Amino acid sequence: MQLGHSELIADTVCILSRFVDIVILLTTTHQFILELTQDTQIPVINVLNR
């Protein structure tokens, strides 16, 4: 995935939600998680929380 480069976050999450029941990420930015959760109904968990 090229998040933030050539693919929109909303488009990526829309496609992922068709294939998975949950998304688990390692990210240090809470804003990124907020952007993901706006576009999907599946749970998004950040396992690298600072």
C-alpha atoms as a PDB file:
ATOM      1  CA  MET A   1       0.000   0.000   0.000  1.00  0.00           C
ATOM      2  CA  GLN A   2       1.136   3.510  -0.727  1.00  0.00           C
ATOM      3  CA  LEU A   3      -0.882   5.386   1.860  1.00  0.00           C
ATOM      4  CA  GLY A   4      -0.434   9.109   1.577  1.00  0.00           C
ATOM      5  CA  HIS A   5       1.347   8.894  -1.774  1.00  0.00           C
ATOM      6  CA  SER A   6      -0.675   7.692  -4.743  1.00  0.00           C
ATOM      7  CA  GLU A   7      -3.657   6.144  -2.956  1.00  0.00           C
ATOM      8  CA  LEU A   8      -6.211   7.952  -0.859  1.00  0.00           C
ATOM      9  CA  ILE A   9      -6.633   6.637   2.677  1.00  0.00           C
ATOM     10  CA  ALA A  10     -10.411   6.486   2.233  1.00  0.00           C
ATOM     11  CA  ASP A  11     -10.073   4.344  -0.902  1.00  0.00           C
ATOM     12  CA  THR A  12      -7.659   1.950   0.769  1.00  0.00           C
ATOM     13  CA  VAL A  13      -9.874   1.475   3.823  1.00  0.00           C
ATOM     14  CA  CYS A  14     -12.920   0.920   1.639  1.00  0.00           C
ATOM     15  CA  ILE A  15     -11.154  -1.912  -0.188  1.00  0.00           C
ATOM     16  CA  LEU A  16      -9.693  -3.400   3.007  1.00  0.00           C
ATOM     17  CA  SER A  17     -13.097  -3.492   4.681  1.00  0.00           C
ATOM     18  CA  ARG A  18     -14.324  -5.848   1.956  1.00  0.00           C
ATOM     19  CA  PHE A  19     -11.698  -8.445   2.876  1.00  0.00           C
ATOM     20  CA  VAL A  20     -11.052  -8.114   6.620  1.00  0.00           C
ATOM     21  CA  ASP A  21     -13.066  -7.807   9.823  1.00  0.00           C
ATOM     22  CA  ILE A  22     -10.528  -5.670  11.696  1.00  0.00           C
ATOM     23  CA  VAL A  23      -7.495  -3.481  10.914  1.00  0.00           C
ATOM     24  CA  ILE A  24      -4.487  -3.463  13.252  1.00  0.00           C
ATOM     25  CA  LEU A  25      -1.813  -0.827  12.633  1.00  0.00           C
ATOM     26  CA  LEU A  26       1.507   0.322  13.991  1.00  0.00           C
ATOM     27  CA  THR A  27       1.390   4.099  13.759  1.00  0.00           C
ATOM     28  CA  THR A  28       2.535   6.939  15.976  1.00  0.00           C
ATOM     29  CA  THR A  29       0.005   9.463  14.700  1.00  0.00           C
ATOM     30  CA  HIS A  30      -3.476   9.459  16.178  1.00  0.00           C
ATOM     31  CA  GLN A  31      -4.700  11.644  13.293  1.00  0.00           C
ATOM     32  CA  PHE A  32      -4.045   8.779  10.865  1.00  0.00           C
ATOM     33  CA  ILE A  33      -6.283   6.466  12.917  1.00  0.00           C
ATOM     34  CA  LEU A  34      -9.010   9.111  12.979  1.00  0.00           C
ATOM     35  CA  GLU A  35      -8.879   9.420   9.194  1.00  0.00           C
ATOM     36  CA  LEU A  36      -9.187   5.655   8.801  1.00  0.00           C
ATOM     37  CA  THR A  37     -12.141   5.306  11.143  1.00  0.00           C
ATOM     38  CA  GLN A  38     -14.138   8.002   9.344  1.00  0.00           C
ATOM     39  CA  ASP A  39     -14.390   5.843   6.237  1.00  0.00           C
ATOM     40  CA  THR A  40     -15.160   2.385   7.607  1.00  0.00           C
ATOM     41  CA  GLN A  41     -17.394   0.471   9.975  1.00  0.00           C
ATOM     42  CA  ILE A  42     -14.751  -2.120  10.900  1.00  0.00           C
ATOM     43  CA  PRO A  43     -12.640  -1.684  14.058  1.00  0.00           C
ATOM     44  CA  VAL A  44      -9.235  -0.032  13.680  1.00  0.00           C
ATOM     45  CA  ILE A  45      -6.707  -0.697  16.450  1.00  0.00           C
ATOM     46  CA  ASN A  46      -3.388   1.078  16.935  1.00  0.00           C
ATOM     47  CA  VAL A  47      -0.945  -1.260  18.674  1.00  0.00           C
ATOM     48  CA  LEU A  48       1.855   1.329  18.768  1.00  0.00           C
ATOM     49  CA  ASN A  49       0.366   4.018  20.949  1.00  0.00           C
ATOM     50  CA  ARG A  50       2.605   6.689  22.440  1.00  0.00           C
END
